[in-house]
Amino acid sequence: MNRIFVGSLVYEDTPPYDRWLKYLIGGILIFTIAIGIFFIPFDLVGTWFMLGETAFLALIFYSIMPRKYQVLEDRIRIVLGRPFAINIRFSNIKEIRATSSGDAYVYYGIRLATNSRSVVEIVRKRGLGIVISPGNRELFLQQVNQAAENYRKMNPLG
C-alpha cells in the first residue's frame, strides 16, 4: 500500500497586495462590465458576451492569485483560489532567498509576487523558479529555511 506523507503545518503567511494591483484587477473587471452596459442599446449578444467575459476574468483572477503561503514539514505550499495550489517539495528546492523588488515585476519564471516590498525567490533544481511575496519576509525565510534544514536532516538522500 502506497502512503502519501502529508507534512504538518509549520508556518503560514498571507500575501500583501499592492494597491495598484488591486486597482488594476478591479479596473479590468469594471471596464469589461462598462463595455457590456454600453452595448445594451446596440447589441444584446455583445452585452451578454462582455458580461460572460467579466465573469470568466473574475474566475481566472480568483484562481491564480495567491491566498496563503504555507510552510509544511516537507514542502512549501502556495494556496491559490480553491481548489488550486502549488506544492514545492524541499527535495526540489535549490535555494530560497530574498530578492530585489524588481523581480516582482520582471522575472524569468513563475511570478506570483503580489507586493514589491517583500519578494522571495524560490530557486528549484528542476523547473522554473518562483517569486512570491509573503507578508513578513524575514520570518517566512527563517521558518522555511529551518523546515528545509529539518527535512534534509530527516531525509539525507531526498
N, C-alpha and C. Protein backbone atom coordinates (compact mmCIF):
# COMPACT_ATOMS: atom_id res chain seq x y z
N MET A 1 0.84 -1.18 0.00
CA MET A 1 0.00 0.00 0.00
C MET A 1 0.88 1.24 0.00
N ASN A 2 0.63 2.15 -0.93
CA ASN A 2 1.40 3.39 -1.00
C ASN A 2 0.77 4.43 -0.09
N ARG A 3 1.59 4.98 0.79
CA ARG A 3 1.13 6.06 1.66
C ARG A 3 1.77 7.35 1.20
N ILE A 4 0.97 8.38 1.15
CA ILE A 4 1.49 9.69 0.79
C ILE A 4 1.73 10.43 2.09
N PHE A 5 2.98 10.86 2.31
CA PHE A 5 3.31 11.61 3.52
C PHE A 5 2.78 13.02 3.39
N VAL A 6 1.95 13.40 4.33
CA VAL A 6 1.42 14.75 4.34
C VAL A 6 2.06 15.46 5.52
N GLY A 7 2.94 16.42 5.23
CA GLY A 7 3.63 17.14 6.29
C GLY A 7 2.69 18.05 7.05
N SER A 8 2.97 18.19 8.32
CA SER A 8 2.13 19.08 9.12
C SER A 8 2.58 20.53 8.94
N LEU A 9 1.66 21.44 9.20
CA LEU A 9 1.89 22.86 9.00
C LEU A 9 2.90 23.39 10.01
N VAL A 10 3.92 24.09 9.52
CA VAL A 10 4.94 24.70 10.36
C VAL A 10 4.68 26.20 10.49
N TYR A 11 4.34 26.83 9.37
CA TYR A 11 4.16 28.29 9.35
C TYR A 11 3.22 28.64 8.20
N GLU A 12 2.45 29.69 8.38
CA GLU A 12 1.54 30.16 7.35
C GLU A 12 1.61 31.68 7.28
N ASP A 13 1.61 32.22 6.07
CA ASP A 13 1.68 33.65 5.87
C ASP A 13 0.68 34.05 4.78
N THR A 14 0.23 35.27 4.86
CA THR A 14 -0.73 35.81 3.89
C THR A 14 -0.03 36.84 3.03
N PRO A 15 -0.19 36.78 1.71
CA PRO A 15 0.48 37.76 0.85
C PRO A 15 -0.19 39.12 0.91
N PRO A 16 0.60 40.19 1.06
CA PRO A 16 0.02 41.53 0.94
C PRO A 16 -0.12 41.88 -0.54
N TYR A 17 -1.15 42.63 -0.87
CA TYR A 17 -1.38 43.05 -2.25
C TYR A 17 -1.10 44.54 -2.37
N ASP A 18 -0.29 44.92 -3.36
CA ASP A 18 -0.06 46.34 -3.64
C ASP A 18 -1.38 46.98 -4.05
N ARG A 19 -1.55 48.23 -3.68
CA ARG A 19 -2.78 48.95 -4.01
C ARG A 19 -2.99 49.01 -5.52
N TRP A 20 -1.91 49.26 -6.28
CA TRP A 20 -2.04 49.37 -7.73
C TRP A 20 -2.52 48.06 -8.35
N LEU A 21 -2.13 46.92 -7.75
CA LEU A 21 -2.56 45.63 -8.28
C LEU A 21 -4.06 45.43 -8.06
N LYS A 22 -4.54 45.83 -6.89
CA LYS A 22 -5.99 45.77 -6.63
C LYS A 22 -6.75 46.66 -7.62
N TYR A 23 -6.23 47.87 -7.84
CA TYR A 23 -6.88 48.78 -8.79
C TYR A 23 -6.85 48.23 -10.21
N LEU A 24 -5.75 47.61 -10.59
CA LEU A 24 -5.63 47.04 -11.93
C LEU A 24 -6.65 45.93 -12.15
N ILE A 25 -6.75 45.01 -11.21
CA ILE A 25 -7.70 43.91 -11.33
C ILE A 25 -9.13 44.44 -11.33
N GLY A 26 -9.42 45.32 -10.38
CA GLY A 26 -10.76 45.91 -10.32
C GLY A 26 -11.08 46.72 -11.57
N GLY A 27 -10.09 47.45 -12.07
CA GLY A 27 -10.29 48.26 -13.27
C GLY A 27 -10.61 47.42 -14.49
N ILE A 28 -9.92 46.30 -14.63
CA ILE A 28 -10.19 45.41 -15.76
C ILE A 28 -11.62 44.89 -15.70
N LEU A 29 -12.04 44.48 -14.52
CA LEU A 29 -13.41 43.96 -14.37
C LEU A 29 -14.46 45.05 -14.59
N ILE A 30 -14.22 46.24 -14.05
CA ILE A 30 -15.16 47.35 -14.25
C ILE A 30 -15.22 47.76 -15.72
N PHE A 31 -14.06 47.74 -16.39
CA PHE A 31 -14.00 48.11 -17.81
C PHE A 31 -14.85 47.15 -18.66
N THR A 32 -14.72 45.85 -18.42
CA THR A 32 -15.49 44.90 -19.22
C THR A 32 -16.99 45.00 -18.91
N ILE A 33 -17.35 45.27 -17.66
CA ILE A 33 -18.77 45.48 -17.33
C ILE A 33 -19.29 46.74 -18.03
N ALA A 34 -18.49 47.81 -17.99
CA ALA A 34 -18.91 49.07 -18.61
C ALA A 34 -19.13 48.91 -20.11
N ILE A 35 -18.26 48.17 -20.77
CA ILE A 35 -18.44 47.93 -22.21
C ILE A 35 -19.72 47.13 -22.44
N GLY A 36 -19.97 46.14 -21.59
CA GLY A 36 -21.21 45.37 -21.71
C GLY A 36 -22.44 46.24 -21.55
N ILE A 37 -22.42 47.15 -20.59
CA ILE A 37 -23.54 48.05 -20.39
C ILE A 37 -23.69 49.00 -21.58
N PHE A 38 -22.56 49.44 -22.11
CA PHE A 38 -22.58 50.32 -23.28
C PHE A 38 -23.26 49.65 -24.47
N PHE A 39 -23.08 48.35 -24.63
CA PHE A 39 -23.64 47.62 -25.77
C PHE A 39 -25.14 47.34 -25.66
N ILE A 40 -25.76 47.57 -24.51
CA ILE A 40 -27.17 47.22 -24.31
C ILE A 40 -28.08 47.77 -25.41
N PRO A 41 -28.01 49.08 -25.74
CA PRO A 41 -28.95 49.56 -26.77
C PRO A 41 -28.60 49.12 -28.19
N PHE A 42 -27.37 48.67 -28.41
CA PHE A 42 -26.92 48.35 -29.77
C PHE A 42 -26.90 46.86 -30.09
N ASP A 43 -26.43 46.08 -29.12
CA ASP A 43 -26.19 44.66 -29.42
C ASP A 43 -26.33 43.85 -28.13
N LEU A 44 -27.45 43.18 -27.99
CA LEU A 44 -27.70 42.41 -26.78
C LEU A 44 -26.75 41.21 -26.67
N VAL A 45 -26.40 40.61 -27.80
CA VAL A 45 -25.45 39.50 -27.79
C VAL A 45 -24.08 39.98 -27.30
N GLY A 46 -23.65 41.14 -27.76
CA GLY A 46 -22.39 41.72 -27.30
C GLY A 46 -22.42 42.01 -25.81
N THR A 47 -23.56 42.46 -25.31
CA THR A 47 -23.71 42.70 -23.88
C THR A 47 -23.51 41.42 -23.09
N TRP A 48 -24.20 40.36 -23.48
CA TRP A 48 -24.05 39.09 -22.78
C TRP A 48 -22.63 38.54 -22.90
N PHE A 49 -22.03 38.73 -24.06
CA PHE A 49 -20.65 38.28 -24.25
C PHE A 49 -19.71 38.99 -23.28
N MET A 50 -19.84 40.30 -23.15
CA MET A 50 -18.95 41.06 -22.25
C MET A 50 -19.21 40.72 -20.79
N LEU A 51 -20.46 40.51 -20.42
CA LEU A 51 -20.75 40.11 -19.05
C LEU A 51 -20.20 38.71 -18.76
N GLY A 52 -20.27 37.83 -19.74
CA GLY A 52 -19.66 36.50 -19.61
C GLY A 52 -18.16 36.59 -19.51
N GLU A 53 -17.57 37.49 -20.29
CA GLU A 53 -16.12 37.69 -20.23
C GLU A 53 -15.71 38.23 -18.86
N THR A 54 -16.50 39.12 -18.31
CA THR A 54 -16.21 39.65 -16.98
C THR A 54 -16.23 38.53 -15.94
N ALA A 55 -17.23 37.67 -16.01
CA ALA A 55 -17.32 36.54 -15.07
C ALA A 55 -16.12 35.60 -15.26
N PHE A 56 -15.74 35.36 -16.51
CA PHE A 56 -14.60 34.49 -16.79
C PHE A 56 -13.30 35.10 -16.24
N LEU A 57 -13.09 36.40 -16.46
CA LEU A 57 -11.89 37.06 -15.94
C LEU A 57 -11.87 37.04 -14.41
N ALA A 58 -13.02 37.25 -13.79
CA ALA A 58 -13.09 37.21 -12.32
C ALA A 58 -12.71 35.81 -11.83
N LEU A 59 -13.16 34.78 -12.52
CA LEU A 59 -12.82 33.40 -12.15
C LEU A 59 -11.32 33.15 -12.33
N ILE A 60 -10.76 33.65 -13.41
CA ILE A 60 -9.31 33.50 -13.64
C ILE A 60 -8.52 34.20 -12.54
N PHE A 61 -8.86 35.45 -12.25
CA PHE A 61 -8.16 36.18 -11.19
C PHE A 61 -8.29 35.46 -9.85
N TYR A 62 -9.48 34.98 -9.54
CA TYR A 62 -9.69 34.26 -8.29
C TYR A 62 -8.82 33.00 -8.23
N SER A 63 -8.69 32.31 -9.36
CA SER A 63 -7.98 31.04 -9.40
C SER A 63 -6.47 31.17 -9.31
N ILE A 64 -5.90 32.26 -9.83
CA ILE A 64 -4.44 32.33 -9.92
C ILE A 64 -3.78 33.25 -8.90
N MET A 65 -4.55 34.03 -8.17
CA MET A 65 -3.95 34.95 -7.20
C MET A 65 -3.70 34.21 -5.89
N PRO A 66 -2.48 34.31 -5.34
CA PRO A 66 -2.16 33.60 -4.10
C PRO A 66 -3.00 34.07 -2.91
N ARG A 67 -3.41 33.11 -2.09
CA ARG A 67 -4.17 33.39 -0.88
C ARG A 67 -3.30 33.24 0.37
N LYS A 68 -2.46 32.18 0.37
CA LYS A 68 -1.61 31.88 1.52
C LYS A 68 -0.33 31.23 1.05
N TYR A 69 0.69 31.39 1.87
CA TYR A 69 1.94 30.65 1.69
C TYR A 69 2.10 29.79 2.94
N GLN A 70 2.16 28.48 2.75
CA GLN A 70 2.27 27.57 3.88
C GLN A 70 3.61 26.85 3.82
N VAL A 71 4.27 26.79 4.96
CA VAL A 71 5.49 26.01 5.10
C VAL A 71 5.10 24.75 5.85
N LEU A 72 5.26 23.61 5.20
CA LEU A 72 4.97 22.33 5.82
C LEU A 72 6.30 21.63 6.11
N GLU A 73 6.26 20.50 6.77
CA GLU A 73 7.49 19.80 7.14
C GLU A 73 8.30 19.35 5.92
N ASP A 74 7.63 19.10 4.80
CA ASP A 74 8.32 18.54 3.64
C ASP A 74 8.23 19.40 2.38
N ARG A 75 7.53 20.54 2.47
CA ARG A 75 7.34 21.33 1.25
C ARG A 75 6.82 22.73 1.58
N ILE A 76 6.81 23.56 0.54
CA ILE A 76 6.15 24.85 0.58
C ILE A 76 4.89 24.70 -0.26
N ARG A 77 3.80 25.21 0.25
CA ARG A 77 2.52 25.13 -0.47
C ARG A 77 2.03 26.55 -0.70
N ILE A 78 1.80 26.89 -1.96
CA ILE A 78 1.23 28.18 -2.33
C ILE A 78 -0.24 27.95 -2.63
N VAL A 79 -1.09 28.45 -1.75
CA VAL A 79 -2.53 28.24 -1.88
C VAL A 79 -3.09 29.33 -2.80
N LEU A 80 -3.68 28.89 -3.89
CA LEU A 80 -4.33 29.80 -4.84
C LEU A 80 -5.83 29.73 -4.58
N GLY A 81 -6.64 30.21 -5.51
CA GLY A 81 -8.09 30.08 -5.36
C GLY A 81 -8.48 28.62 -5.34
N ARG A 82 -9.39 28.24 -4.47
CA ARG A 82 -9.77 26.84 -4.34
C ARG A 82 -10.22 26.27 -5.66
N PRO A 83 -9.85 25.09 -6.00
CA PRO A 83 -9.10 24.06 -5.29
C PRO A 83 -7.62 24.02 -5.68
N PHE A 84 -7.10 25.09 -6.20
CA PHE A 84 -5.75 25.09 -6.76
C PHE A 84 -4.68 25.44 -5.73
N ALA A 85 -3.53 24.78 -5.87
CA ALA A 85 -2.38 25.06 -5.02
C ALA A 85 -1.13 24.58 -5.75
N ILE A 86 -0.01 25.16 -5.41
CA ILE A 86 1.28 24.74 -5.95
C ILE A 86 2.10 24.18 -4.79
N ASN A 87 2.56 22.95 -4.93
CA ASN A 87 3.38 22.31 -3.91
C ASN A 87 4.81 22.20 -4.42
N ILE A 88 5.75 22.68 -3.63
CA ILE A 88 7.16 22.61 -4.00
C ILE A 88 7.88 21.85 -2.89
N ARG A 89 8.28 20.65 -3.18
CA ARG A 89 8.97 19.82 -2.18
C ARG A 89 10.37 20.37 -1.92
N PHE A 90 10.81 20.23 -0.67
CA PHE A 90 12.15 20.69 -0.32
C PHE A 90 13.21 19.93 -1.11
N SER A 91 12.92 18.69 -1.51
CA SER A 91 13.89 17.92 -2.30
C SER A 91 14.09 18.53 -3.68
N ASN A 92 13.18 19.40 -4.14
CA ASN A 92 13.30 20.05 -5.44
C ASN A 92 13.73 21.52 -5.32
N ILE A 93 14.03 21.97 -4.11
CA ILE A 93 14.43 23.35 -3.91
C ILE A 93 15.94 23.45 -3.78
N LYS A 94 16.51 24.29 -4.61
CA LYS A 94 17.95 24.53 -4.58
C LYS A 94 18.28 25.62 -3.56
N GLU A 95 17.48 26.70 -3.58
CA GLU A 95 17.75 27.83 -2.70
C GLU A 95 16.48 28.67 -2.53
N ILE A 96 16.36 29.28 -1.36
CA ILE A 96 15.27 30.22 -1.08
C ILE A 96 15.93 31.48 -0.55
N ARG A 97 15.65 32.61 -1.21
CA ARG A 97 16.35 33.83 -0.81
C ARG A 97 15.50 35.07 -1.04
N ALA A 98 15.81 36.10 -0.28
CA ALA A 98 15.20 37.41 -0.51
C ALA A 98 15.80 37.95 -1.80
N THR A 99 15.00 38.68 -2.54
CA THR A 99 15.47 39.22 -3.80
C THR A 99 14.98 40.65 -3.96
N SER A 100 15.39 41.29 -5.03
CA SER A 100 15.06 42.70 -5.23
C SER A 100 13.60 42.89 -5.60
N SER A 101 13.12 44.11 -5.39
CA SER A 101 11.73 44.41 -5.72
C SER A 101 11.47 44.36 -7.22
N GLY A 102 12.50 44.50 -8.03
CA GLY A 102 12.34 44.41 -9.48
C GLY A 102 11.87 43.05 -9.94
N ASP A 103 12.22 42.00 -9.18
CA ASP A 103 11.79 40.66 -9.54
C ASP A 103 10.28 40.46 -9.37
N ALA A 104 9.64 41.34 -8.63
CA ALA A 104 8.18 41.27 -8.50
C ALA A 104 7.51 41.62 -9.83
N TYR A 105 8.20 42.40 -10.66
CA TYR A 105 7.63 42.86 -11.93
C TYR A 105 8.19 42.13 -13.14
N VAL A 106 9.50 41.90 -13.13
CA VAL A 106 10.17 41.27 -14.27
C VAL A 106 10.98 40.10 -13.73
N TYR A 107 10.59 38.89 -14.12
CA TYR A 107 11.26 37.69 -13.62
C TYR A 107 11.10 36.59 -14.63
N TYR A 108 12.18 35.88 -14.90
CA TYR A 108 12.13 34.73 -15.79
C TYR A 108 11.75 33.52 -14.95
N GLY A 109 10.50 33.20 -14.92
CA GLY A 109 9.99 32.10 -14.12
C GLY A 109 8.53 32.36 -13.81
N ILE A 110 8.06 31.74 -12.76
CA ILE A 110 6.67 31.90 -12.35
C ILE A 110 6.59 33.06 -11.37
N ARG A 111 5.83 34.06 -11.72
CA ARG A 111 5.77 35.28 -10.91
C ARG A 111 4.43 35.33 -10.19
N LEU A 112 4.47 35.04 -8.89
CA LEU A 112 3.27 35.10 -8.06
C LEU A 112 3.40 36.17 -6.99
N ALA A 113 4.33 37.09 -7.18
CA ALA A 113 4.52 38.19 -6.22
C ALA A 113 3.36 39.17 -6.34
N THR A 114 2.83 39.57 -5.21
CA THR A 114 1.71 40.50 -5.18
C THR A 114 2.09 41.83 -4.56
N ASN A 115 3.36 41.93 -4.14
CA ASN A 115 3.84 43.12 -3.45
C ASN A 115 5.31 43.30 -3.79
N SER A 116 5.73 44.52 -4.03
CA SER A 116 7.12 44.74 -4.43
C SER A 116 8.07 44.95 -3.25
N ARG A 117 7.54 45.07 -2.05
CA ARG A 117 8.41 45.32 -0.90
C ARG A 117 8.88 44.05 -0.21
N SER A 118 8.27 42.93 -0.48
CA SER A 118 8.56 41.70 0.25
C SER A 118 8.65 40.54 -0.75
N VAL A 119 9.76 40.48 -1.47
CA VAL A 119 9.88 39.49 -2.55
C VAL A 119 10.86 38.39 -2.15
N VAL A 120 10.44 37.15 -2.35
CA VAL A 120 11.26 35.97 -2.06
C VAL A 120 11.32 35.12 -3.32
N GLU A 121 12.51 34.66 -3.64
CA GLU A 121 12.70 33.79 -4.81
C GLU A 121 12.94 32.36 -4.35
N ILE A 122 12.22 31.44 -4.96
CA ILE A 122 12.40 30.01 -4.73
C ILE A 122 13.06 29.44 -5.98
N VAL A 123 14.33 29.09 -5.85
CA VAL A 123 15.08 28.53 -6.98
C VAL A 123 14.95 27.01 -6.90
N ARG A 124 14.41 26.42 -7.95
CA ARG A 124 14.19 24.98 -7.96
C ARG A 124 15.31 24.27 -8.72
N LYS A 125 15.54 23.01 -8.37
CA LYS A 125 16.53 22.19 -9.07
C LYS A 125 16.04 21.85 -10.47
N ARG A 126 14.75 21.54 -10.57
CA ARG A 126 14.12 21.24 -11.85
C ARG A 126 12.92 22.15 -12.01
N GLY A 127 12.79 22.75 -13.16
CA GLY A 127 11.65 23.63 -13.41
C GLY A 127 12.01 25.09 -13.19
N LEU A 128 11.05 25.94 -13.50
CA LEU A 128 11.25 27.38 -13.36
C LEU A 128 11.23 27.80 -11.90
N GLY A 129 11.96 28.85 -11.61
CA GLY A 129 11.92 29.44 -10.28
C GLY A 129 10.60 30.16 -10.07
N ILE A 130 10.32 30.48 -8.81
CA ILE A 130 9.06 31.14 -8.45
C ILE A 130 9.38 32.32 -7.55
N VAL A 131 8.76 33.47 -7.79
CA VAL A 131 8.85 34.59 -6.87
C VAL A 131 7.50 34.78 -6.20
N ILE A 132 7.55 34.98 -4.89
CA ILE A 132 6.35 35.20 -4.10
C ILE A 132 6.60 36.40 -3.19
N SER A 133 5.56 36.86 -2.53
CA SER A 133 5.74 37.98 -1.59
C SER A 133 4.96 37.72 -0.30
N PRO A 134 5.62 37.06 0.66
CA PRO A 134 4.97 36.84 1.95
C PRO A 134 4.83 38.15 2.72
N GLY A 135 3.89 38.19 3.65
CA GLY A 135 3.66 39.39 4.44
C GLY A 135 4.84 39.76 5.31
N ASN A 136 5.48 38.78 5.92
CA ASN A 136 6.64 39.00 6.77
C ASN A 136 7.81 38.21 6.18
N ARG A 137 8.56 38.85 5.32
CA ARG A 137 9.61 38.16 4.57
C ARG A 137 10.65 37.51 5.47
N GLU A 138 11.13 38.23 6.48
CA GLU A 138 12.20 37.72 7.34
C GLU A 138 11.74 36.48 8.12
N LEU A 139 10.54 36.56 8.69
CA LEU A 139 10.01 35.42 9.44
C LEU A 139 9.73 34.24 8.52
N PHE A 140 9.21 34.52 7.33
CA PHE A 140 8.96 33.46 6.35
C PHE A 140 10.26 32.76 5.99
N LEU A 141 11.31 33.53 5.68
CA LEU A 141 12.60 32.93 5.32
C LEU A 141 13.18 32.12 6.47
N GLN A 142 13.06 32.65 7.67
CA GLN A 142 13.56 31.93 8.84
C GLN A 142 12.83 30.59 8.99
N GLN A 143 11.51 30.60 8.90
CA GLN A 143 10.72 29.38 9.07
C GLN A 143 10.96 28.38 7.95
N VAL A 144 11.01 28.86 6.71
CA VAL A 144 11.18 27.95 5.58
C VAL A 144 12.59 27.35 5.57
N ASN A 145 13.59 28.13 5.91
CA ASN A 145 14.95 27.59 5.94
C ASN A 145 15.11 26.58 7.08
N GLN A 146 14.49 26.83 8.23
CA GLN A 146 14.53 25.88 9.34
C GLN A 146 13.81 24.59 8.96
N ALA A 147 12.65 24.69 8.34
CA ALA A 147 11.91 23.50 7.92
C ALA A 147 12.69 22.71 6.86
N ALA A 148 13.33 23.41 5.94
CA ALA A 148 14.13 22.74 4.91
C ALA A 148 15.32 22.03 5.53
N GLU A 149 15.95 22.67 6.49
CA GLU A 149 17.10 22.05 7.17
C GLU A 149 16.65 20.80 7.93
N ASN A 150 15.53 20.89 8.64
CA ASN A 150 15.00 19.72 9.36
C ASN A 150 14.64 18.60 8.39
N TYR A 151 14.07 18.96 7.24
CA TYR A 151 13.70 17.95 6.25
C TYR A 151 14.96 17.25 5.72
N ARG A 152 15.99 18.00 5.45
CA ARG A 152 17.22 17.41 4.91
C ARG A 152 17.92 16.54 5.94
N LYS A 153 17.81 16.86 7.22
CA LYS A 153 18.37 16.01 8.28
C LYS A 153 17.62 14.69 8.35
N MET A 154 16.29 14.75 8.19
CA MET A 154 15.47 13.54 8.28
C MET A 154 15.52 12.72 6.99
N ASN A 155 15.82 13.36 5.86
CA ASN A 155 15.85 12.68 4.56
C ASN A 155 17.15 13.03 3.83
N PRO A 156 18.26 12.48 4.26
CA PRO A 156 19.55 12.87 3.66
C PRO A 156 19.67 12.54 2.17
N LEU A 157 18.94 11.56 1.67
CA LEU A 157 19.02 11.20 0.26
C LEU A 157 18.03 11.96 -0.59
N GLY A 158 17.03 12.57 0.01
CA GLY A 158 15.98 13.20 -0.78
C GLY A 158 15.96 14.65 -0.58
